[in-house]
Amino acid sequence: MAKKTARKTASRGTSKTAGKKKTARRANAAFMAPVTPSDKLTPVVGSKPIPRTEVTKRLWAYIKKNKLQDQTNNRMIKADATLKPVFGGKAQVNMFEMTKLVNKHLS
């Protein structure tokens, strides 16, 4: 029995994936497809069709520029007059709910 455990530990050191090269990570085509923002979202991200990832970047830039994150709980986003129609009339939403609400305004 001692010989079997010795063989197992010796074979564990070699890896089958050691010889394989890593490929460069590619962006998902679904995220890079241009989407058109609704009329309610255009004041924040613009009216031209842009990728979904760019919509998120511009939305967060707007939130940080206007200091709309709650100071005590950074996950909560306060809605100003521009974002309130996008958030469905809610005064405050969490960041996960925000992405769900924004997706409704993309086509």
N, C-alpha and C. Protein backbone atom coordinates (compact mmCIF):
# COMPACT_ATOMS: atom_id res chain seq x y z
N MET A 1 0.80 -1.20 0.00
CA MET A 1 0.00 0.00 0.00
C MET A 1 0.84 1.26 0.00
N ALA A 2 1.96 1.21 0.58
CA ALA A 2 2.83 2.37 0.61
C ALA A 2 3.30 2.76 -0.78
N LYS A 3 3.46 1.77 -1.67
CA LYS A 3 3.90 2.04 -3.03
C LYS A 3 2.83 2.81 -3.81
N LYS A 4 1.55 2.49 -3.57
CA LYS A 4 0.48 3.18 -4.29
C LYS A 4 0.42 4.66 -3.93
N THR A 5 0.56 5.00 -2.67
CA THR A 5 0.52 6.40 -2.27
C THR A 5 1.74 7.14 -2.80
N ALA A 6 2.86 6.46 -2.90
CA ALA A 6 4.05 7.10 -3.44
C ALA A 6 3.85 7.42 -4.91
N ARG A 7 3.22 6.55 -5.65
CA ARG A 7 2.96 6.80 -7.07
C ARG A 7 1.99 7.97 -7.26
N LYS A 8 0.96 8.03 -6.43
CA LYS A 8 -0.03 9.09 -6.55
C LYS A 8 0.60 10.45 -6.30
N THR A 9 1.41 10.58 -5.30
CA THR A 9 2.02 11.87 -4.99
C THR A 9 3.02 12.27 -6.06
N ALA A 10 3.68 11.31 -6.66
CA ALA A 10 4.65 11.63 -7.70
C ALA A 10 3.94 12.13 -8.95
N SER A 11 2.78 11.57 -9.28
CA SER A 11 2.07 11.98 -10.48
C SER A 11 1.31 13.29 -10.30
N ARG A 12 1.06 13.70 -9.09
CA ARG A 12 0.34 14.95 -8.84
C ARG A 12 1.16 16.17 -9.24
N GLY A 13 2.45 16.07 -9.20
CA GLY A 13 3.30 17.22 -9.50
C GLY A 13 3.27 17.62 -10.96
N THR A 14 2.96 16.72 -11.86
CA THR A 14 2.92 17.06 -13.27
C THR A 14 1.52 17.51 -13.64
N SER A 15 1.45 18.46 -14.51
CA SER A 15 0.17 19.00 -14.92
C SER A 15 -0.04 18.79 -16.41
N LYS A 16 -1.23 18.43 -16.80
CA LYS A 16 -1.54 18.24 -18.21
C LYS A 16 -1.64 19.56 -18.94
N THR A 17 -1.96 20.62 -18.24
CA THR A 17 -2.14 21.93 -18.88
C THR A 17 -0.86 22.75 -18.90
N ALA A 18 0.23 22.22 -18.41
CA ALA A 18 1.47 22.99 -18.34
C ALA A 18 1.99 23.37 -19.72
N GLY A 19 1.76 22.55 -20.73
CA GLY A 19 2.28 22.82 -22.06
C GLY A 19 1.38 23.70 -22.91
N LYS A 20 0.13 23.94 -22.50
CA LYS A 20 -0.81 24.73 -23.29
C LYS A 20 -0.58 26.22 -23.08
N LYS A 21 -0.75 26.99 -24.15
CA LYS A 21 -0.63 28.45 -24.07
C LYS A 21 -2.00 29.06 -23.81
N LYS A 22 -2.02 30.15 -23.09
CA LYS A 22 -3.27 30.85 -22.84
C LYS A 22 -3.58 31.73 -24.04
N THR A 23 -4.84 31.76 -24.42
CA THR A 23 -5.25 32.62 -25.51
C THR A 23 -5.71 33.96 -24.94
N ALA A 24 -5.63 34.99 -25.76
CA ALA A 24 -6.07 36.31 -25.31
C ALA A 24 -7.59 36.30 -25.14
N ARG A 25 -8.05 36.98 -24.14
CA ARG A 25 -9.48 37.03 -23.84
C ARG A 25 -10.16 37.98 -24.82
N ARG A 26 -11.26 37.52 -25.42
CA ARG A 26 -11.99 38.35 -26.36
C ARG A 26 -13.30 38.82 -25.74
N ALA A 27 -13.74 40.01 -26.13
CA ALA A 27 -14.98 40.56 -25.61
C ALA A 27 -16.16 39.80 -26.20
N ASN A 28 -17.20 39.67 -25.42
CA ASN A 28 -18.42 39.01 -25.86
C ASN A 28 -19.11 39.91 -26.90
N ALA A 29 -19.47 39.36 -28.02
CA ALA A 29 -20.08 40.13 -29.10
C ALA A 29 -21.41 40.75 -28.69
N ALA A 30 -22.13 40.11 -27.78
CA ALA A 30 -23.42 40.65 -27.34
C ALA A 30 -23.24 41.96 -26.59
N PHE A 31 -22.17 42.09 -25.84
CA PHE A 31 -21.93 43.33 -25.11
C PHE A 31 -21.44 44.44 -26.04
N MET A 32 -20.80 44.07 -27.11
CA MET A 32 -20.23 45.06 -28.02
C MET A 32 -21.21 45.50 -29.11
N ALA A 33 -22.35 44.85 -29.22
CA ALA A 33 -23.34 45.24 -30.22
C ALA A 33 -23.93 46.61 -29.84
N PRO A 34 -24.01 47.53 -30.78
CA PRO A 34 -24.55 48.86 -30.46
C PRO A 34 -26.03 48.79 -30.09
N VAL A 35 -26.40 49.52 -29.07
CA VAL A 35 -27.79 49.63 -28.64
C VAL A 35 -28.19 51.10 -28.71
N THR A 36 -29.46 51.34 -28.94
CA THR A 36 -29.96 52.70 -29.04
C THR A 36 -30.66 53.07 -27.74
N PRO A 37 -30.21 54.13 -27.07
CA PRO A 37 -30.87 54.55 -25.83
C PRO A 37 -32.22 55.20 -26.11
N SER A 38 -33.12 55.09 -25.14
CA SER A 38 -34.44 55.70 -25.26
C SER A 38 -34.32 57.21 -25.08
N ASP A 39 -35.43 57.90 -25.31
CA ASP A 39 -35.44 59.37 -25.16
C ASP A 39 -35.16 59.79 -23.72
N LYS A 40 -35.57 58.97 -22.76
CA LYS A 40 -35.35 59.29 -21.35
C LYS A 40 -33.89 59.13 -20.95
N LEU A 41 -33.17 58.25 -21.64
CA LEU A 41 -31.78 57.97 -21.30
C LEU A 41 -30.79 58.84 -22.08
N THR A 42 -31.23 59.45 -23.18
CA THR A 42 -30.31 60.23 -24.02
C THR A 42 -29.64 61.41 -23.33
N PRO A 43 -30.27 62.12 -22.39
CA PRO A 43 -29.53 63.20 -21.72
C PRO A 43 -28.31 62.73 -20.94
N VAL A 44 -28.30 61.46 -20.55
CA VAL A 44 -27.20 60.92 -19.75
C VAL A 44 -26.11 60.32 -20.63
N VAL A 45 -26.48 59.51 -21.61
CA VAL A 45 -25.48 58.76 -22.40
C VAL A 45 -25.36 59.22 -23.84
N GLY A 46 -26.23 60.08 -24.31
CA GLY A 46 -26.19 60.53 -25.70
C GLY A 46 -27.20 59.77 -26.54
N SER A 47 -27.39 60.23 -27.78
CA SER A 47 -28.44 59.65 -28.61
C SER A 47 -27.93 58.65 -29.64
N LYS A 48 -26.62 58.59 -29.87
CA LYS A 48 -26.08 57.68 -30.87
C LYS A 48 -26.05 56.25 -30.33
N PRO A 49 -26.20 55.26 -31.21
CA PRO A 49 -26.08 53.85 -30.78
C PRO A 49 -24.65 53.56 -30.30
N ILE A 50 -24.54 53.02 -29.11
CA ILE A 50 -23.25 52.68 -28.51
C ILE A 50 -23.34 51.31 -27.86
N PRO A 51 -22.20 50.65 -27.63
CA PRO A 51 -22.23 49.34 -26.95
C PRO A 51 -22.76 49.45 -25.52
N ARG A 52 -23.32 48.37 -25.05
CA ARG A 52 -23.87 48.31 -23.69
C ARG A 52 -22.82 48.66 -22.63
N THR A 53 -21.59 48.25 -22.87
CA THR A 53 -20.52 48.55 -21.91
C THR A 53 -20.26 50.05 -21.82
N GLU A 54 -20.35 50.74 -22.95
CA GLU A 54 -20.16 52.19 -22.96
C GLU A 54 -21.31 52.90 -22.27
N VAL A 55 -22.52 52.36 -22.38
CA VAL A 55 -23.68 52.93 -21.69
C VAL A 55 -23.42 52.90 -20.18
N THR A 56 -22.92 51.77 -19.70
CA THR A 56 -22.64 51.63 -18.27
C THR A 56 -21.55 52.61 -17.83
N LYS A 57 -20.50 52.74 -18.63
CA LYS A 57 -19.41 53.67 -18.31
C LYS A 57 -19.91 55.11 -18.22
N ARG A 58 -20.71 55.51 -19.20
CA ARG A 58 -21.22 56.89 -19.21
C ARG A 58 -22.20 57.14 -18.08
N LEU A 59 -23.00 56.14 -17.75
CA LEU A 59 -23.95 56.28 -16.65
C LEU A 59 -23.21 56.47 -15.32
N TRP A 60 -22.18 55.66 -15.10
CA TRP A 60 -21.40 55.80 -13.86
C TRP A 60 -20.63 57.11 -13.83
N ALA A 61 -20.15 57.57 -14.97
CA ALA A 61 -19.46 58.86 -15.02
C ALA A 61 -20.43 59.98 -14.64
N TYR A 62 -21.67 59.91 -15.12
CA TYR A 62 -22.69 60.89 -14.78
C TYR A 62 -23.00 60.86 -13.29
N ILE A 63 -23.13 59.66 -12.75
CA ILE A 63 -23.45 59.51 -11.32
C ILE A 63 -22.33 60.09 -10.45
N LYS A 64 -21.10 59.80 -10.80
CA LYS A 64 -19.97 60.29 -9.99
C LYS A 64 -19.77 61.79 -10.17
N LYS A 65 -19.98 62.30 -11.38
CA LYS A 65 -19.82 63.73 -11.65
C LYS A 65 -20.82 64.54 -10.83
N ASN A 66 -22.06 64.05 -10.75
CA ASN A 66 -23.12 64.76 -10.03
C ASN A 66 -23.26 64.32 -8.58
N LYS A 67 -22.34 63.46 -8.11
CA LYS A 67 -22.32 62.97 -6.72
C LYS A 67 -23.68 62.40 -6.30
N LEU A 68 -24.16 61.43 -7.07
CA LEU A 68 -25.47 60.84 -6.81
C LEU A 68 -25.40 59.55 -6.00
N GLN A 69 -24.19 59.10 -5.66
CA GLN A 69 -24.07 57.92 -4.80
C GLN A 69 -24.32 58.33 -3.36
N ASP A 70 -25.03 57.49 -2.62
CA ASP A 70 -25.28 57.74 -1.21
C ASP A 70 -23.95 57.67 -0.46
N GLN A 71 -23.69 58.62 0.41
CA GLN A 71 -22.42 58.68 1.13
C GLN A 71 -22.25 57.55 2.14
N THR A 72 -23.34 57.12 2.76
CA THR A 72 -23.23 56.07 3.77
C THR A 72 -23.27 54.67 3.16
N ASN A 73 -24.04 54.50 2.09
CA ASN A 73 -24.15 53.20 1.42
C ASN A 73 -23.91 53.42 -0.07
N ASN A 74 -22.70 53.12 -0.53
CA ASN A 74 -22.32 53.40 -1.92
C ASN A 74 -23.11 52.60 -2.94
N ARG A 75 -23.81 51.57 -2.51
CA ARG A 75 -24.61 50.78 -3.44
C ARG A 75 -25.90 51.48 -3.85
N MET A 76 -26.29 52.49 -3.11
CA MET A 76 -27.53 53.20 -3.39
C MET A 76 -27.24 54.42 -4.27
N ILE A 77 -28.06 54.59 -5.30
CA ILE A 77 -27.93 55.70 -6.24
C ILE A 77 -29.15 56.60 -6.09
N LYS A 78 -28.91 57.89 -5.85
CA LYS A 78 -29.99 58.86 -5.74
C LYS A 78 -30.34 59.36 -7.13
N ALA A 79 -31.61 59.52 -7.41
CA ALA A 79 -32.05 59.99 -8.73
C ALA A 79 -32.23 61.50 -8.72
N ASP A 80 -31.61 62.16 -9.69
CA ASP A 80 -31.88 63.58 -9.88
C ASP A 80 -33.01 63.70 -10.91
N ALA A 81 -33.29 64.92 -11.36
CA ALA A 81 -34.40 65.12 -12.30
C ALA A 81 -34.19 64.39 -13.61
N THR A 82 -32.93 64.22 -14.02
CA THR A 82 -32.64 63.53 -15.28
C THR A 82 -32.79 62.03 -15.16
N LEU A 83 -32.38 61.45 -14.03
CA LEU A 83 -32.41 60.00 -13.86
C LEU A 83 -33.75 59.47 -13.35
N LYS A 84 -34.56 60.31 -12.77
CA LYS A 84 -35.82 59.84 -12.19
C LYS A 84 -36.71 59.13 -13.23
N PRO A 85 -36.87 59.65 -14.46
CA PRO A 85 -37.67 58.91 -15.44
C PRO A 85 -37.04 57.57 -15.83
N VAL A 86 -35.72 57.49 -15.83
CA VAL A 86 -35.04 56.24 -16.15
C VAL A 86 -35.26 55.22 -15.05
N PHE A 87 -35.29 55.67 -13.81
CA PHE A 87 -35.47 54.79 -12.66
C PHE A 87 -36.94 54.49 -12.38
N GLY A 88 -37.83 54.86 -13.27
CA GLY A 88 -39.25 54.56 -13.09
C GLY A 88 -39.91 55.41 -12.02
N GLY A 89 -39.40 56.61 -11.81
CA GLY A 89 -39.97 57.53 -10.82
C GLY A 89 -39.47 57.33 -9.41
N LYS A 90 -38.60 56.36 -9.19
CA LYS A 90 -38.07 56.11 -7.85
C LYS A 90 -37.02 57.16 -7.50
N ALA A 91 -36.98 57.55 -6.23
CA ALA A 91 -36.02 58.54 -5.78
C ALA A 91 -34.64 57.94 -5.52
N GLN A 92 -34.60 56.65 -5.20
CA GLN A 92 -33.33 55.99 -4.90
C GLN A 92 -33.44 54.50 -5.26
N VAL A 93 -32.39 53.98 -5.91
CA VAL A 93 -32.34 52.56 -6.27
C VAL A 93 -30.95 52.03 -5.94
N ASN A 94 -30.84 50.71 -5.78
CA ASN A 94 -29.50 50.15 -5.58
C ASN A 94 -28.88 49.89 -6.95
N MET A 95 -27.57 49.69 -6.99
CA MET A 95 -26.86 49.61 -8.27
C MET A 95 -27.29 48.40 -9.10
N PHE A 96 -27.71 47.33 -8.48
CA PHE A 96 -28.15 46.16 -9.23
C PHE A 96 -29.52 46.40 -9.86
N GLU A 97 -30.39 47.07 -9.13
CA GLU A 97 -31.69 47.42 -9.66
C GLU A 97 -31.54 48.46 -10.77
N MET A 98 -30.54 49.33 -10.64
CA MET A 98 -30.29 50.36 -11.64
C MET A 98 -30.00 49.75 -13.00
N THR A 99 -29.16 48.73 -13.06
CA THR A 99 -28.83 48.11 -14.34
C THR A 99 -30.07 47.46 -14.95
N LYS A 100 -30.90 46.88 -14.13
CA LYS A 100 -32.14 46.27 -14.61
C LYS A 100 -33.06 47.34 -15.20
N LEU A 101 -33.17 48.48 -14.53
CA LEU A 101 -34.03 49.56 -15.02
C LEU A 101 -33.48 50.21 -16.27
N VAL A 102 -32.16 50.35 -16.36
CA VAL A 102 -31.54 50.97 -17.53
C VAL A 102 -31.69 50.08 -18.75
N ASN A 103 -31.62 48.77 -18.56
CA ASN A 103 -31.76 47.84 -19.68
C ASN A 103 -33.12 47.99 -20.38
N LYS A 104 -34.12 48.42 -19.66
CA LYS A 104 -35.44 48.64 -20.26
C LYS A 104 -35.42 49.79 -21.25
N HIS A 105 -34.44 50.68 -21.12
CA HIS A 105 -34.35 51.87 -21.97
C HIS A 105 -33.36 51.69 -23.12
N LEU A 106 -32.93 50.46 -23.37
CA LEU A 106 -32.01 50.18 -24.47
C LEU A 106 -32.70 49.27 -25.48
N SER A 107 -32.50 49.58 -26.74
CA SER A 107 -33.08 48.70 -27.78
C SER A 107 -32.07 48.43 -28.87
